[in-house]
Amino acid sequence: MELSVVMFWFASIWILPFWSLMWFVPKHALTQRFVGDLRWCFMPLLVPYIVLAAPQVGTILLTFASEMPTPQIIFELFEDTDVIMLGWLHFLAFDLFIGRFIWLRMLQAKRPLYVSTPVLIMCMMMGPLGCALGLAATWEKGQSIDTQSLVSQVAAEK
């Protein structure tokens, strides 16, 4: 089996428990422990990314350092299946990162599951739109949200 296929499946399966925890049991201790800790939810996604990125680093950096990206350059870059997989891993990692951010905001804003779950599903499927919906759903006039202390605040409420 090709390495990029193995990395695809590892990363795609790795993220599912994190999304499930955020969707269905956002306040549970397991969710706080695993989604709240970047070492569990985000760092393992770096392994497949690094495995696939290492051989491509020179090409990618040279491509973007030597000329302004154009649609044609991007099309040519994405003709390589490993670069396509890098793009997929990039989507998974940053959609999860954004989803985690929105999950934390939902917790602090005390939004119910019927609000948080659809927004977090949108974060998984279409990260930027889910992020925009999550920001809108948690926006409170005059209130700033400190994401660094959110996990400890939620844990303290238990």
C-alpha atoms as a PDB file:
ATOM      1  CA  MET A   1       0.000   0.000   0.000  1.00  0.00           C
ATOM      2  CA  GLU A   2       1.259   3.443  -0.902  1.00  0.00           C
ATOM      3  CA  LEU A   3       2.538   5.616   1.968  1.00  0.00           C
ATOM      4  CA  SER A   4       0.248   8.544   1.130  1.00  0.00           C
ATOM      5  CA  VAL A   5      -2.779   6.218   1.329  1.00  0.00           C
ATOM      6  CA  VAL A   6      -1.693   4.973   4.777  1.00  0.00           C
ATOM      7  CA  MET A   7      -1.213   8.566   5.970  1.00  0.00           C
ATOM      8  CA  PHE A   8      -4.618   9.493   4.546  1.00  0.00           C
ATOM      9  CA  TRP A   9      -6.383   6.747   6.487  1.00  0.00           C
ATOM     10  CA  PHE A  10      -4.441   7.317   9.692  1.00  0.00           C
ATOM     11  CA  ALA A  11      -5.277  11.033   9.771  1.00  0.00           C
ATOM     12  CA  SER A  12      -8.860  10.622   8.566  1.00  0.00           C
ATOM     13  CA  ILE A  13      -9.611   8.021  11.233  1.00  0.00           C
ATOM     14  CA  TRP A  14      -7.639   9.815  13.976  1.00  0.00           C
ATOM     15  CA  ILE A  15      -9.855  12.898  13.868  1.00  0.00           C
ATOM     16  CA  LEU A  16     -13.213  11.115  14.119  1.00  0.00           C
ATOM     17  CA  PRO A  17     -13.227  10.570  17.904  1.00  0.00           C
ATOM     18  CA  PHE A  18     -12.336  14.228  18.485  1.00  0.00           C
ATOM     19  CA  TRP A  19     -15.174  15.471  16.317  1.00  0.00           C
ATOM     20  CA  SER A  20     -17.581  12.965  17.906  1.00  0.00           C
ATOM     21  CA  LEU A  21     -16.638  14.132  21.403  1.00  0.00           C
ATOM     22  CA  MET A  22     -17.119  17.802  20.484  1.00  0.00           C
ATOM     23  CA  TRP A  23     -20.454  17.113  18.749  1.00  0.00           C
ATOM     24  CA  PHE A  24     -22.142  14.811  21.230  1.00  0.00           C
ATOM     25  CA  VAL A  25     -20.511  15.243  24.658  1.00  0.00           C
ATOM     26  CA  PRO A  26     -18.864  18.671  24.595  1.00  0.00           C
ATOM     27  CA  LYS A  27     -18.725  19.057  28.389  1.00  0.00           C
ATOM     28  CA  HIS A  28     -17.618  15.522  29.245  1.00  0.00           C
ATOM     29  CA  ALA A  29     -14.284  14.984  31.042  1.00  0.00           C
ATOM     30  CA  LEU A  30     -12.984  12.861  28.126  1.00  0.00           C
ATOM     31  CA  THR A  31     -13.719  15.667  25.700  1.00  0.00           C
ATOM     32  CA  GLN A  32     -11.933  18.164  27.902  1.00  0.00           C
ATOM     33  CA  ARG A  33      -8.999  15.814  28.369  1.00  0.00           C
ATOM     34  CA  PHE A  34      -8.446  14.878  24.740  1.00  0.00           C
ATOM     35  CA  VAL A  35      -9.841  17.761  22.692  1.00  0.00           C
ATOM     36  CA  GLY A  36      -8.644  20.263  25.270  1.00  0.00           C
ATOM     37  CA  ASP A  37      -5.064  19.017  24.966  1.00  0.00           C
ATOM     38  CA  LEU A  38      -3.308  19.861  21.704  1.00  0.00           C
ATOM     39  CA  ARG A  39      -0.876  17.002  22.255  1.00  0.00           C
ATOM     40  CA  TRP A  40      -3.744  14.569  21.700  1.00  0.00           C
ATOM     41  CA  CYS A  41      -5.874  16.265  19.111  1.00  0.00           C
ATOM     42  CA  PHE A  42      -3.457  18.136  16.903  1.00  0.00           C
ATOM     43  CA  MET A  43       0.091  16.839  17.278  1.00  0.00           C
ATOM     44  CA  PRO A  44      -0.584  13.317  15.910  1.00  0.00           C
ATOM     45  CA  LEU A  45      -1.818  14.919  12.695  1.00  0.00           C
ATOM     46  CA  LEU A  46       1.665  16.368  12.264  1.00  0.00           C
ATOM     47  CA  VAL A  47       3.203  12.907  11.928  1.00  0.00           C
ATOM     48  CA  PRO A  48       1.534  11.995   8.626  1.00  0.00           C
ATOM     49  CA  TYR A  49       1.960  15.572   7.430  1.00  0.00           C
ATOM     50  CA  ILE A  50       5.699  15.520   8.150  1.00  0.00           C
ATOM     51  CA  VAL A  51       6.095  12.073   6.572  1.00  0.00           C
ATOM     52  CA  LEU A  52       4.553  13.315   3.342  1.00  0.00           C
ATOM     53  CA  ALA A  53       5.927  16.862   3.483  1.00  0.00           C
ATOM     54  CA  ALA A  54       9.584  15.969   4.046  1.00  0.00           C
ATOM     55  CA  PRO A  55      10.244  14.843   0.459  1.00  0.00           C
ATOM     56  CA  GLN A  56       8.218  17.784  -0.927  1.00  0.00           C
ATOM     57  CA  VAL A  57       9.626  20.627   1.174  1.00  0.00           C
ATOM     58  CA  GLY A  58      12.241  21.663  -1.377  1.00  0.00           C
ATOM     59  CA  THR A  59       9.809  21.656  -4.283  1.00  0.00           C
ATOM     60  CA  ILE A  60       7.090  23.523  -2.405  1.00  0.00           C
ATOM     61  CA  LEU A  61       9.401  26.146  -0.905  1.00  0.00           C
ATOM     62  CA  LEU A  62      11.253  26.668  -4.180  1.00  0.00           C
ATOM     63  CA  THR A  63       7.974  26.989  -6.081  1.00  0.00           C
ATOM     64  CA  PHE A  64       6.553  29.622  -3.743  1.00  0.00           C
ATOM     65  CA  ALA A  65       9.847  31.432  -3.137  1.00  0.00           C
ATOM     66  CA  SER A  66      10.780  31.754  -6.781  1.00  0.00           C
ATOM     67  CA  GLU A  67       7.586  33.180  -8.220  1.00  0.00           C
ATOM     68  CA  MET A  68       4.215  34.572  -7.295  1.00  0.00           C
ATOM     69  CA  PRO A  69       1.679  31.730  -7.022  1.00  0.00           C
ATOM     70  CA  THR A  70      -0.751  31.639  -9.902  1.00  0.00           C
ATOM     71  CA  PRO A  71      -3.610  29.243 -10.551  1.00  0.00           C
ATOM     72  CA  GLN A  72      -1.434  27.447 -13.126  1.00  0.00           C
ATOM     73  CA  ILE A  73       1.419  26.958 -10.641  1.00  0.00           C
ATOM     74  CA  ILE A  74      -1.007  25.572  -8.061  1.00  0.00           C
ATOM     75  CA  PHE A  75      -2.546  23.217 -10.654  1.00  0.00           C
ATOM     76  CA  GLU A  76       0.915  21.932 -11.558  1.00  0.00           C
ATOM     77  CA  LEU A  77       1.896  21.516  -7.917  1.00  0.00           C
ATOM     78  CA  PHE A  78      -1.274  19.513  -7.208  1.00  0.00           C
ATOM     79  CA  GLU A  79      -0.644  17.108 -10.090  1.00  0.00           C
ATOM     80  CA  ASP A  80       1.491  15.125  -7.617  1.00  0.00           C
ATOM     81  CA  THR A  81      -0.626  12.728  -5.502  1.00  0.00           C
ATOM     82  CA  ASP A  82       1.560  13.293  -2.432  1.00  0.00           C
ATOM     83  CA  VAL A  83       0.939  17.043  -2.654  1.00  0.00           C
ATOM     84  CA  ILE A  84      -2.793  16.345  -2.931  1.00  0.00           C
ATOM     85  CA  MET A  85      -2.522  14.243   0.249  1.00  0.00           C
ATOM     86  CA  LEU A  86      -0.618  17.079   1.931  1.00  0.00           C
ATOM     87  CA  GLY A  87      -3.501  19.357   1.031  1.00  0.00           C
ATOM     88  CA  TRP A  88      -5.973  16.894   2.541  1.00  0.00           C
ATOM     89  CA  LEU A  89      -3.920  16.574   5.741  1.00  0.00           C
ATOM     90  CA  HIS A  90      -3.717  20.357   5.873  1.00  0.00           C
ATOM     91  CA  PHE A  91      -7.525  20.549   5.669  1.00  0.00           C
ATOM     92  CA  LEU A  92      -7.969  17.928   8.399  1.00  0.00           C
ATOM     93  CA  ALA A  93      -5.518  19.559  10.792  1.00  0.00           C
ATOM     94  CA  PHE A  94      -6.755  23.100  10.401  1.00  0.00           C
ATOM     95  CA  ASP A  95     -10.438  22.193  10.310  1.00  0.00           C
ATOM     96  CA  LEU A  96      -9.903  20.338  13.603  1.00  0.00           C
ATOM     97  CA  PHE A  97      -7.943  23.269  15.004  1.00  0.00           C
ATOM     98  CA  ILE A  98     -10.740  25.678  14.055  1.00  0.00           C
ATOM     99  CA  GLY A  99     -13.366  23.231  15.313  1.00  0.00           C
ATOM    100  CA  ARG A 100     -11.551  23.016  18.636  1.00  0.00           C
ATOM    101  CA  PHE A 101     -11.481  26.814  18.848  1.00  0.00           C
ATOM    102  CA  ILE A 102     -15.221  27.031  18.133  1.00  0.00           C
ATOM    103  CA  TRP A 103     -15.916  24.185  20.614  1.00  0.00           C
ATOM    104  CA  LEU A 104     -14.135  26.209  23.297  1.00  0.00           C
ATOM    105  CA  ARG A 105     -16.155  29.306  22.405  1.00  0.00           C
ATOM    106  CA  MET A 106     -19.397  27.305  22.474  1.00  0.00           C
ATOM    107  CA  LEU A 107     -18.549  26.015  25.949  1.00  0.00           C
ATOM    108  CA  GLN A 108     -17.778  29.432  27.311  1.00  0.00           C
ATOM    109  CA  ALA A 109     -20.875  30.924  25.726  1.00  0.00           C
ATOM    110  CA  LYS A 110     -22.905  27.968  27.116  1.00  0.00           C
ATOM    111  CA  ARG A 111     -24.506  27.163  23.771  1.00  0.00           C
ATOM    112  CA  PRO A 112     -26.731  24.044  23.720  1.00  0.00           C
ATOM    113  CA  LEU A 113     -26.038  20.971  21.574  1.00  0.00           C
ATOM    114  CA  TYR A 114     -28.674  21.934  19.019  1.00  0.00           C
ATOM    115  CA  VAL A 115     -26.579  25.049  18.310  1.00  0.00           C
ATOM    116  CA  SER A 116     -23.040  23.725  18.761  1.00  0.00           C
ATOM    117  CA  THR A 117     -23.332  20.390  16.945  1.00  0.00           C
ATOM    118  CA  PRO A 118     -24.472  21.723  13.535  1.00  0.00           C
ATOM    119  CA  VAL A 119     -21.891  24.503  13.704  1.00  0.00           C
ATOM    120  CA  LEU A 120     -19.122  22.034  14.553  1.00  0.00           C
ATOM    121  CA  ILE A 121     -20.239  19.713  11.742  1.00  0.00           C
ATOM    122  CA  MET A 122     -19.916  22.700   9.413  1.00  0.00           C
ATOM    123  CA  CYS A 123     -16.427  23.322  10.842  1.00  0.00           C
ATOM    124  CA  MET A 124     -15.492  19.774   9.866  1.00  0.00           C
ATOM    125  CA  MET A 125     -17.004  19.921   6.402  1.00  0.00           C
ATOM    126  CA  MET A 126     -16.249  23.516   5.443  1.00  0.00           C
ATOM    127  CA  GLY A 127     -13.848  24.991   8.003  1.00  0.00           C
ATOM    128  CA  PRO A 128     -14.012  28.699   7.139  1.00  0.00           C
ATOM    129  CA  LEU A 129     -17.825  28.728   6.952  1.00  0.00           C
ATOM    130  CA  GLY A 130     -18.092  26.731  10.174  1.00  0.00           C
ATOM    131  CA  CYS A 131     -15.712  29.152  11.852  1.00  0.00           C
ATOM    132  CA  ALA A 132     -17.796  32.120  10.684  1.00  0.00           C
ATOM    133  CA  LEU A 133     -20.984  30.459  11.941  1.00  0.00           C
ATOM    134  CA  GLY A 134     -19.299  29.592  15.235  1.00  0.00           C
ATOM    135  CA  LEU A 135     -18.113  33.148  15.732  1.00  0.00           C
ATOM    136  CA  ALA A 136     -21.584  34.447  14.950  1.00  0.00           C
ATOM    137  CA  ALA A 137     -23.210  31.923  17.312  1.00  0.00           C
ATOM    138  CA  THR A 138     -20.934  32.902  20.175  1.00  0.00           C
ATOM    139  CA  TRP A 139     -20.650  36.633  19.553  1.00  0.00           C
ATOM    140  CA  GLU A 140     -21.597  38.711  22.552  1.00  0.00           C
ATOM    141  CA  LYS A 141     -21.396  42.471  22.315  1.00  0.00           C
ATOM    142  CA  GLY A 142     -18.622  43.855  24.495  1.00  0.00           C
ATOM    143  CA  GLN A 143     -17.370  40.433  25.572  1.00  0.00           C
ATOM    144  CA  SER A 144     -13.997  39.026  24.681  1.00  0.00           C
ATOM    145  CA  ILE A 145     -13.348  35.318  24.892  1.00  0.00           C
ATOM    146  CA  ASP A 146     -10.027  34.137  26.330  1.00  0.00           C
ATOM    147  CA  THR A 147      -9.461  30.796  24.596  1.00  0.00           C
ATOM    148  CA  GLN A 148      -6.393  29.918  26.675  1.00  0.00           C
ATOM    149  CA  SER A 149      -8.377  29.639  29.884  1.00  0.00           C
ATOM    150  CA  LEU A 150     -11.531  28.090  28.419  1.00  0.00           C
ATOM    151  CA  VAL A 151     -10.659  24.450  29.050  1.00  0.00           C
ATOM    152  CA  SER A 152      -9.704  25.072  32.680  1.00  0.00           C
ATOM    153  CA  GLN A 153     -12.881  27.127  33.235  1.00  0.00           C
ATOM    154  CA  VAL A 154     -15.079  24.373  31.835  1.00  0.00           C
ATOM    155  CA  ALA A 155     -13.283  21.762  33.926  1.00  0.00           C
ATOM    156  CA  ALA A 156     -13.722  23.893  37.059  1.00  0.00           C
ATOM    157  CA  GLU A 157     -17.479  24.114  36.486  1.00  0.00           C
ATOM    158  CA  LYS A 158     -17.905  20.331  36.764  1.00  0.00           C
END
